[in-house]
Amino acid sequence: MSRSVLLSEAAIPDTKQSLLLYEHKDKFSMVIPGRGELMNSRVHGSEKALADLACARMGRPARPRILVGGLGMGFTHAAALAAAGPNAEVVVAELVPEVVEWNREWIGGPAGHPLSDPRSTVFIGDVAKLMRAEPNGFNAILLDVDNGPQAVIRRENDWLYGLEGLAVARAALRPEGVLAIWSAGPDAQFTTRLKRAGFRSEMVIVRPHRRGKGARHYIWLAK
């Protein structure tokens, strides 16, 4: 029986936790010890849906600019590039520098190597910092950070999904811009919070598997 091979390990900033990258046959996976598998390269339907749904709702800007919060294995990033057209710029913010290196060295293939696309820009750091720095900067902001609004890995992510963080996200959007947020579970309080922050929102249930099987994931689309 073949075994999983540990390829690399990285510290998650501002936490005492580590992110491990494994390879098993034709699959890569990222694991947080004690919390289990965070993502893998075989199951990525909801990550793709995050970009597809947001881009379908942002209208048809001539030169769309999209911010992806969380590189992961690159599937949301790749889907944003595919949906946004040849004149787009997709900025991806990744907190863990090693994740960018892993995408370039090992795991970029399943997503089609989106970091190699000339329309891509990489920001290594907290996506909140980039949103603060660029008011009116983006047609869409796609957040797949932590586990969604009920952040469980990094306390700083609670701010991102609170009223102050949502206000910063709203200011960073252009007119008719879309804020799309991935979550592992539903959260009625977050829907109410989006309304208080000045957004019109809907929540869409998606499946991680291509054929609509497996666990349910949730995406908020707010304008």
C-alpha atoms as a PDB file:
ATOM      1  CA  MET A   1       0.000   0.000   0.000  1.00  0.00           C
ATOM      2  CA  SER A   2       1.404   3.404  -0.966  1.00  0.00           C
ATOM      3  CA  ARG A   3       1.811   5.974   1.762  1.00  0.00           C
ATOM      4  CA  SER A   4       1.407   9.713   1.875  1.00  0.00           C
ATOM      5  CA  VAL A   5       4.699  11.583   1.577  1.00  0.00           C
ATOM      6  CA  LEU A   6       5.272  14.784   3.544  1.00  0.00           C
ATOM      7  CA  LEU A   7       6.667  17.293   1.053  1.00  0.00           C
ATOM      8  CA  SER A   8       6.929  20.408   3.199  1.00  0.00           C
ATOM      9  CA  GLU A   9       5.781  22.211   6.338  1.00  0.00           C
ATOM     10  CA  ALA A  10       5.021  25.875   7.022  1.00  0.00           C
ATOM     11  CA  ALA A  11       4.134  27.913  10.087  1.00  0.00           C
ATOM     12  CA  ILE A  12       0.810  29.773   9.964  1.00  0.00           C
ATOM     13  CA  PRO A  13       1.540  33.399  10.958  1.00  0.00           C
ATOM     14  CA  ASP A  14       0.163  34.627  14.284  1.00  0.00           C
ATOM     15  CA  THR A  15      -0.696  31.096  15.400  1.00  0.00           C
ATOM     16  CA  LYS A  16       1.060  28.115  16.951  1.00  0.00           C
ATOM     17  CA  GLN A  17      -0.157  25.886  14.148  1.00  0.00           C
ATOM     18  CA  SER A  18       1.551  24.431  11.092  1.00  0.00           C
ATOM     19  CA  LEU A  19       0.386  23.660   7.578  1.00  0.00           C
ATOM     20  CA  LEU A  20       1.638  20.384   6.099  1.00  0.00           C
ATOM     21  CA  LEU A  21       1.763  19.514   2.402  1.00  0.00           C
ATOM     22  CA  TYR A  22       1.381  15.830   1.506  1.00  0.00           C
ATOM     23  CA  GLU A  23       1.488  13.896  -1.748  1.00  0.00           C
ATOM     24  CA  HIS A  24      -0.337  10.581  -2.149  1.00  0.00           C
ATOM     25  CA  LYS A  25      -0.336   8.933  -5.583  1.00  0.00           C
ATOM     26  CA  ASP A  26      -1.878  11.613  -7.838  1.00  0.00           C
ATOM     27  CA  LYS A  27      -3.278  13.758  -5.026  1.00  0.00           C
ATOM     28  CA  PHE A  28      -1.866  16.646  -2.991  1.00  0.00           C
ATOM     29  CA  SER A  29      -3.381  17.653   0.322  1.00  0.00           C
ATOM     30  CA  MET A  30      -2.852  20.362   2.924  1.00  0.00           C
ATOM     31  CA  VAL A  31      -3.309  19.314   6.533  1.00  0.00           C
ATOM     32  CA  ILE A  32      -3.324  21.134   9.856  1.00  0.00           C
ATOM     33  CA  PRO A  33      -2.230  18.723  12.601  1.00  0.00           C
ATOM     34  CA  GLY A  34      -5.070  18.131  15.011  1.00  0.00           C
ATOM     35  CA  ARG A  35      -7.649  19.565  12.617  1.00  0.00           C
ATOM     36  CA  GLY A  36      -7.310  17.207   9.677  1.00  0.00           C
ATOM     37  CA  GLU A  37      -7.282  17.852   5.961  1.00  0.00           C
ATOM     38  CA  LEU A  38      -7.861  21.457   4.943  1.00  0.00           C
ATOM     39  CA  MET A  39      -8.044  20.865   1.174  1.00  0.00           C
ATOM     40  CA  ASN A  40      -6.920  18.507  -1.545  1.00  0.00           C
ATOM     41  CA  SER A  41      -6.320  18.646  -5.276  1.00  0.00           C
ATOM     42  CA  ARG A  42      -9.084  16.200  -6.208  1.00  0.00           C
ATOM     43  CA  VAL A  43     -12.020  18.013  -4.623  1.00  0.00           C
ATOM     44  CA  HIS A  44     -12.374  21.641  -5.630  1.00  0.00           C
ATOM     45  CA  GLY A  45     -15.862  22.236  -7.038  1.00  0.00           C
ATOM     46  CA  SER A  46     -16.864  24.816  -4.449  1.00  0.00           C
ATOM     47  CA  GLU A  47     -13.575  26.715  -4.814  1.00  0.00           C
ATOM     48  CA  LYS A  48     -14.263  27.054  -8.553  1.00  0.00           C
ATOM     49  CA  ALA A  49     -17.881  28.023  -7.877  1.00  0.00           C
ATOM     50  CA  LEU A  50     -16.702  30.893  -5.678  1.00  0.00           C
ATOM     51  CA  ALA A  51     -15.109  32.576  -8.699  1.00  0.00           C
ATOM     52  CA  ASP A  52     -17.720  31.566 -11.271  1.00  0.00           C
ATOM     53  CA  LEU A  53     -20.651  32.880  -9.231  1.00  0.00           C
ATOM     54  CA  ALA A  54     -18.931  36.155  -8.355  1.00  0.00           C
ATOM     55  CA  CYS A  55     -17.750  36.886 -11.895  1.00  0.00           C
ATOM     56  CA  ALA A  56     -21.234  36.215 -13.278  1.00  0.00           C
ATOM     57  CA  ARG A  57     -22.617  38.917 -10.961  1.00  0.00           C
ATOM     58  CA  MET A  58     -20.054  41.693 -11.417  1.00  0.00           C
ATOM     59  CA  GLY A  59     -21.359  42.801 -14.801  1.00  0.00           C
ATOM     60  CA  ARG A  60     -19.047  43.353 -17.772  1.00  0.00           C
ATOM     61  CA  PRO A  61     -16.326  45.840 -16.809  1.00  0.00           C
ATOM     62  CA  ALA A  62     -13.852  46.525 -19.606  1.00  0.00           C
ATOM     63  CA  ARG A  63     -10.825  45.768 -17.445  1.00  0.00           C
ATOM     64  CA  PRO A  64     -12.017  43.832 -14.401  1.00  0.00           C
ATOM     65  CA  ARG A  65      -9.803  43.669 -11.358  1.00  0.00           C
ATOM     66  CA  ILE A  66     -10.400  40.805  -8.944  1.00  0.00           C
ATOM     67  CA  LEU A  67      -8.921  40.115  -5.514  1.00  0.00           C
ATOM     68  CA  VAL A  68      -8.701  36.508  -4.317  1.00  0.00           C
ATOM     69  CA  GLY A  69      -8.094  36.132  -0.588  1.00  0.00           C
ATOM     70  CA  GLY A  70      -6.375  32.790  -0.053  1.00  0.00           C
ATOM     71  CA  LEU A  71      -4.382  31.000  -2.763  1.00  0.00           C
ATOM     72  CA  GLY A  72      -4.817  27.459  -1.451  1.00  0.00           C
ATOM     73  CA  MET A  73      -4.226  25.099  -4.353  1.00  0.00           C
ATOM     74  CA  GLY A  74      -5.053  27.753  -6.925  1.00  0.00           C
ATOM     75  CA  PHE A  75      -8.493  26.587  -8.084  1.00  0.00           C
ATOM     76  CA  THR A  76     -10.368  29.810  -7.230  1.00  0.00           C
ATOM     77  CA  HIS A  77      -7.552  31.842  -8.752  1.00  0.00           C
ATOM     78  CA  ALA A  78      -7.650  29.781 -11.963  1.00  0.00           C
ATOM     79  CA  ALA A  79     -11.444  29.984 -12.222  1.00  0.00           C
ATOM     80  CA  ALA A  80     -11.332  33.777 -11.799  1.00  0.00           C
ATOM     81  CA  LEU A  81      -8.812  34.060 -14.640  1.00  0.00           C
ATOM     82  CA  ALA A  82     -10.978  31.880 -16.870  1.00  0.00           C
ATOM     83  CA  ALA A  83     -14.202  33.761 -16.122  1.00  0.00           C
ATOM     84  CA  ALA A  84     -12.941  37.338 -16.118  1.00  0.00           C
ATOM     85  CA  GLY A  85     -11.573  37.519 -19.657  1.00  0.00           C
ATOM     86  CA  PRO A  86      -8.324  38.546 -21.383  1.00  0.00           C
ATOM     87  CA  ASN A  87      -8.204  42.100 -19.987  1.00  0.00           C
ATOM     88  CA  ALA A  88      -8.556  41.140 -16.349  1.00  0.00           C
ATOM     89  CA  GLU A  89      -6.077  41.389 -13.512  1.00  0.00           C
ATOM     90  CA  VAL A  90      -6.423  38.850 -10.718  1.00  0.00           C
ATOM     91  CA  VAL A  91      -4.591  39.705  -7.515  1.00  0.00           C
ATOM     92  CA  VAL A  92      -4.186  36.790  -5.120  1.00  0.00           C
ATOM     93  CA  ALA A  93      -3.292  37.442  -1.477  1.00  0.00           C
ATOM     94  CA  GLU A  94      -1.731  34.571   0.454  1.00  0.00           C
ATOM     95  CA  LEU A  95      -0.740  34.818   4.108  1.00  0.00           C
ATOM     96  CA  VAL A  96       1.654  31.833   4.142  1.00  0.00           C
ATOM     97  CA  PRO A  97       4.634  32.453   1.801  1.00  0.00           C
ATOM     98  CA  GLU A  98       5.365  28.744   1.474  1.00  0.00           C
ATOM     99  CA  VAL A  99       1.952  28.135  -0.088  1.00  0.00           C
ATOM    100  CA  VAL A 100       2.990  30.335  -3.011  1.00  0.00           C
ATOM    101  CA  GLU A 101       6.234  28.368  -3.314  1.00  0.00           C
ATOM    102  CA  TRP A 102       4.352  25.060  -3.164  1.00  0.00           C
ATOM    103  CA  ASN A 103       2.071  26.170  -5.998  1.00  0.00           C
ATOM    104  CA  ARG A 104       5.050  27.026  -8.141  1.00  0.00           C
ATOM    105  CA  GLU A 105       7.074  23.930  -7.315  1.00  0.00           C
ATOM    106  CA  TRP A 106       4.600  21.088  -6.746  1.00  0.00           C
ATOM    107  CA  ILE A 107       0.868  21.694  -6.733  1.00  0.00           C
ATOM    108  CA  GLY A 108       0.154  24.192  -9.510  1.00  0.00           C
ATOM    109  CA  GLY A 109      -0.498  21.568 -12.176  1.00  0.00           C
ATOM    110  CA  PRO A 110      -4.030  20.410 -11.245  1.00  0.00           C
ATOM    111  CA  ALA A 111      -5.282  24.022 -11.389  1.00  0.00           C
ATOM    112  CA  GLY A 112      -3.403  24.786 -14.616  1.00  0.00           C
ATOM    113  CA  HIS A 113      -0.535  26.832 -13.115  1.00  0.00           C
ATOM    114  CA  PRO A 114      -2.520  30.076 -12.638  1.00  0.00           C
ATOM    115  CA  LEU A 115       0.451  31.862 -11.047  1.00  0.00           C
ATOM    116  CA  SER A 116       2.189  31.681 -14.443  1.00  0.00           C
ATOM    117  CA  ASP A 117      -0.599  33.646 -16.126  1.00  0.00           C
ATOM    118  CA  PRO A 118       0.570  37.209 -16.962  1.00  0.00           C
ATOM    119  CA  ARG A 119      -2.763  38.543 -15.676  1.00  0.00           C
ATOM    120  CA  SER A 120      -1.846  37.360 -12.164  1.00  0.00           C
ATOM    121  CA  THR A 121      -0.334  39.403  -9.354  1.00  0.00           C
ATOM    122  CA  VAL A 122       0.713  37.838  -6.039  1.00  0.00           C
ATOM    123  CA  PHE A 123       0.586  39.651  -2.700  1.00  0.00           C
ATOM    124  CA  ILE A 124       2.171  37.797   0.219  1.00  0.00           C
ATOM    125  CA  GLY A 125       0.439  38.962   3.376  1.00  0.00           C
ATOM    126  CA  ASP A 126      -2.954  39.508   4.961  1.00  0.00           C
ATOM    127  CA  VAL A 127      -5.722  40.203   2.446  1.00  0.00           C
ATOM    128  CA  ALA A 128      -7.168  42.760   4.898  1.00  0.00           C
ATOM    129  CA  LYS A 129      -4.047  44.903   4.486  1.00  0.00           C
ATOM    130  CA  LEU A 130      -4.499  44.954   0.731  1.00  0.00           C
ATOM    131  CA  MET A 131      -8.186  45.873   0.991  1.00  0.00           C
ATOM    132  CA  ARG A 132      -7.363  48.778   3.288  1.00  0.00           C
ATOM    133  CA  ALA A 133      -4.675  50.011   0.894  1.00  0.00           C
ATOM    134  CA  GLU A 134      -6.859  50.002  -2.237  1.00  0.00           C
ATOM    135  CA  PRO A 135     -10.238  51.715  -1.823  1.00  0.00           C
ATOM    136  CA  ASN A 136     -12.358  51.426  -4.969  1.00  0.00           C
ATOM    137  CA  GLY A 137      -9.752  48.995  -6.269  1.00  0.00           C
ATOM    138  CA  PHE A 138     -11.672  45.853  -7.229  1.00  0.00           C
ATOM    139  CA  ASN A 139     -14.706  44.709  -9.175  1.00  0.00           C
ATOM    140  CA  ALA A 140     -14.877  41.545  -7.104  1.00  0.00           C
ATOM    141  CA  ILE A 141     -13.356  40.314  -3.857  1.00  0.00           C
ATOM    142  CA  LEU A 142     -13.355  36.542  -3.317  1.00  0.00           C
ATOM    143  CA  LEU A 143     -12.583  35.399   0.213  1.00  0.00           C
ATOM    144  CA  ASP A 144     -11.722  31.811   1.076  1.00  0.00           C
ATOM    145  CA  VAL A 145      -9.980  32.561   4.347  1.00  0.00           C
ATOM    146  CA  ASP A 146      -9.971  30.232   7.337  1.00  0.00           C
ATOM    147  CA  ASN A 147     -13.228  28.235   7.480  1.00  0.00           C
ATOM    148  CA  GLY A 148     -15.445  31.174   6.608  1.00  0.00           C
ATOM    149  CA  PRO A 149     -17.187  33.648   8.953  1.00  0.00           C
ATOM    150  CA  GLN A 150     -16.704  31.318  11.925  1.00  0.00           C
ATOM    151  CA  ALA A 151     -12.918  31.489  11.776  1.00  0.00           C
ATOM    152  CA  VAL A 152     -11.228  28.648  13.635  1.00  0.00           C
ATOM    153  CA  ILE A 153      -7.555  28.849  12.705  1.00  0.00           C
ATOM    154  CA  ARG A 154      -6.480  32.462  13.150  1.00  0.00           C
ATOM    155  CA  ARG A 155      -8.148  34.958  15.500  1.00  0.00           C
ATOM    156  CA  GLU A 156      -7.307  37.904  13.243  1.00  0.00           C
ATOM    157  CA  ASN A 157      -9.734  36.499  10.676  1.00  0.00           C
ATOM    158  CA  ASP A 158     -12.667  37.256  12.980  1.00  0.00           C
ATOM    159  CA  TRP A 159     -12.096  40.939  12.179  1.00  0.00           C
ATOM    160  CA  LEU A 160     -12.315  40.237   8.463  1.00  0.00           C
ATOM    161  CA  TYR A 161     -15.872  38.921   8.819  1.00  0.00           C
ATOM    162  CA  GLY A 162     -16.992  41.491  11.391  1.00  0.00           C
ATOM    163  CA  LEU A 163     -18.666  44.822  10.673  1.00  0.00           C
ATOM    164  CA  GLU A 164     -15.356  46.682  10.488  1.00  0.00           C
ATOM    165  CA  GLY A 165     -13.844  44.203   8.050  1.00  0.00           C
ATOM    166  CA  LEU A 166     -16.971  44.216   5.896  1.00  0.00           C
ATOM    167  CA  ALA A 167     -16.878  48.023   5.794  1.00  0.00           C
ATOM    168  CA  VAL A 168     -13.298  47.863   4.533  1.00  0.00           C
ATOM    169  CA  ALA A 169     -14.293  45.303   1.904  1.00  0.00           C
ATOM    170  CA  ARG A 170     -17.207  47.496   0.781  1.00  0.00           C
ATOM    171  CA  ALA A 171     -14.898  50.495   0.429  1.00  0.00           C
ATOM    172  CA  ALA A 172     -12.451  48.419  -1.616  1.00  0.00           C
ATOM    173  CA  LEU A 173     -15.133  47.525  -4.161  1.00  0.00           C
ATOM    174  CA  ARG A 174     -15.980  49.532  -7.252  1.00  0.00           C
ATOM    175  CA  PRO A 175     -19.617  50.420  -8.050  1.00  0.00           C
ATOM    176  CA  GLU A 176     -21.648  47.230  -8.622  1.00  0.00           C
ATOM    177  CA  GLY A 177     -18.751  45.261  -7.171  1.00  0.00           C
ATOM    178  CA  VAL A 178     -19.262  41.818  -5.646  1.00  0.00           C
ATOM    179  CA  LEU A 179     -18.020  40.405  -2.358  1.00  0.00           C
ATOM    180  CA  ALA A 180     -18.058  36.582  -2.440  1.00  0.00           C
ATOM    181  CA  ILE A 181     -17.298  34.567   0.688  1.00  0.00           C
ATOM    182  CA  TRP A 182     -16.753  30.796   0.967  1.00  0.00           C
ATOM    183  CA  SER A 183     -17.771  28.959   4.114  1.00  0.00           C
ATOM    184  CA  ALA A 184     -17.763  25.385   5.368  1.00  0.00           C
ATOM    185  CA  GLY A 185     -21.112  25.955   7.090  1.00  0.00           C
ATOM    186  CA  PRO A 186     -24.180  28.236   7.204  1.00  0.00           C
ATOM    187  CA  ASP A 187     -24.314  31.301   9.434  1.00  0.00           C
ATOM    188  CA  ALA A 188     -27.558  33.267   9.751  1.00  0.00           C
ATOM    189  CA  GLN A 189     -25.858  35.912  11.888  1.00  0.00           C
ATOM    190  CA  PHE A 190     -23.382  36.602   9.103  1.00  0.00           C
ATOM    191  CA  THR A 191     -26.210  37.195   6.631  1.00  0.00           C
ATOM    192  CA  THR A 192     -27.623  39.782   9.035  1.00  0.00           C
ATOM    193  CA  ARG A 193     -24.165  41.323   9.440  1.00  0.00           C
ATOM    194  CA  LEU A 194     -23.805  41.744   5.674  1.00  0.00           C
ATOM    195  CA  LYS A 195     -27.083  43.675   5.582  1.00  0.00           C
ATOM    196  CA  ARG A 196     -25.954  45.918   8.444  1.00  0.00           C
ATOM    197  CA  ALA A 197     -22.734  46.600   6.516  1.00  0.00           C
ATOM    198  CA  GLY A 198     -24.713  47.888   3.519  1.00  0.00           C
ATOM    199  CA  PHE A 199     -24.751  44.814   1.268  1.00  0.00           C
ATOM    200  CA  ARG A 200     -27.558  43.057  -0.572  1.00  0.00           C
ATOM    201  CA  SER A 201     -26.690  39.385  -0.305  1.00  0.00           C
ATOM    202  CA  GLU A 202     -27.746  35.875  -1.201  1.00  0.00           C
ATOM    203  CA  MET A 203     -26.380  32.567   0.038  1.00  0.00           C
ATOM    204  CA  VAL A 204     -25.806  29.729  -2.424  1.00  0.00           C
ATOM    205  CA  ILE A 205     -25.247  26.102  -1.432  1.00  0.00           C
ATOM    206  CA  VAL A 206     -22.603  24.326  -3.525  1.00  0.00           C
ATOM    207  CA  ARG A 207     -21.018  20.900  -3.540  1.00  0.00           C
ATOM    208  CA  PRO A 208     -17.256  20.336  -3.512  1.00  0.00           C
ATOM    209  CA  HIS A 209     -17.453  17.405  -5.930  1.00  0.00           C
ATOM    210  CA  ARG A 210     -18.026  18.005  -9.618  1.00  0.00           C
ATOM    211  CA  ARG A 211     -21.076  15.731  -9.723  1.00  0.00           C
ATOM    212  CA  GLY A 212     -22.814  17.449  -6.848  1.00  0.00           C
ATOM    213  CA  LYS A 213     -21.891  14.931  -4.185  1.00  0.00           C
ATOM    214  CA  GLY A 214     -20.225  15.259  -0.811  1.00  0.00           C
ATOM    215  CA  ALA A 215     -20.536  17.843   1.924  1.00  0.00           C
ATOM    216  CA  ARG A 216     -22.370  21.102   1.444  1.00  0.00           C
ATOM    217  CA  HIS A 217     -20.400  24.325   1.262  1.00  0.00           C
ATOM    218  CA  TYR A 218     -21.850  27.825   1.335  1.00  0.00           C
ATOM    219  CA  ILE A 219     -21.089  30.964  -0.653  1.00  0.00           C
ATOM    220  CA  TRP A 220     -22.395  34.438   0.145  1.00  0.00           C
ATOM    221  CA  LEU A 221     -22.674  36.800  -2.815  1.00  0.00           C
ATOM    222  CA  ALA A 222     -23.007  40.407  -1.676  1.00  0.00           C
ATOM    223  CA  LYS A 223     -23.308  43.579  -3.750  1.00  0.00           C
END
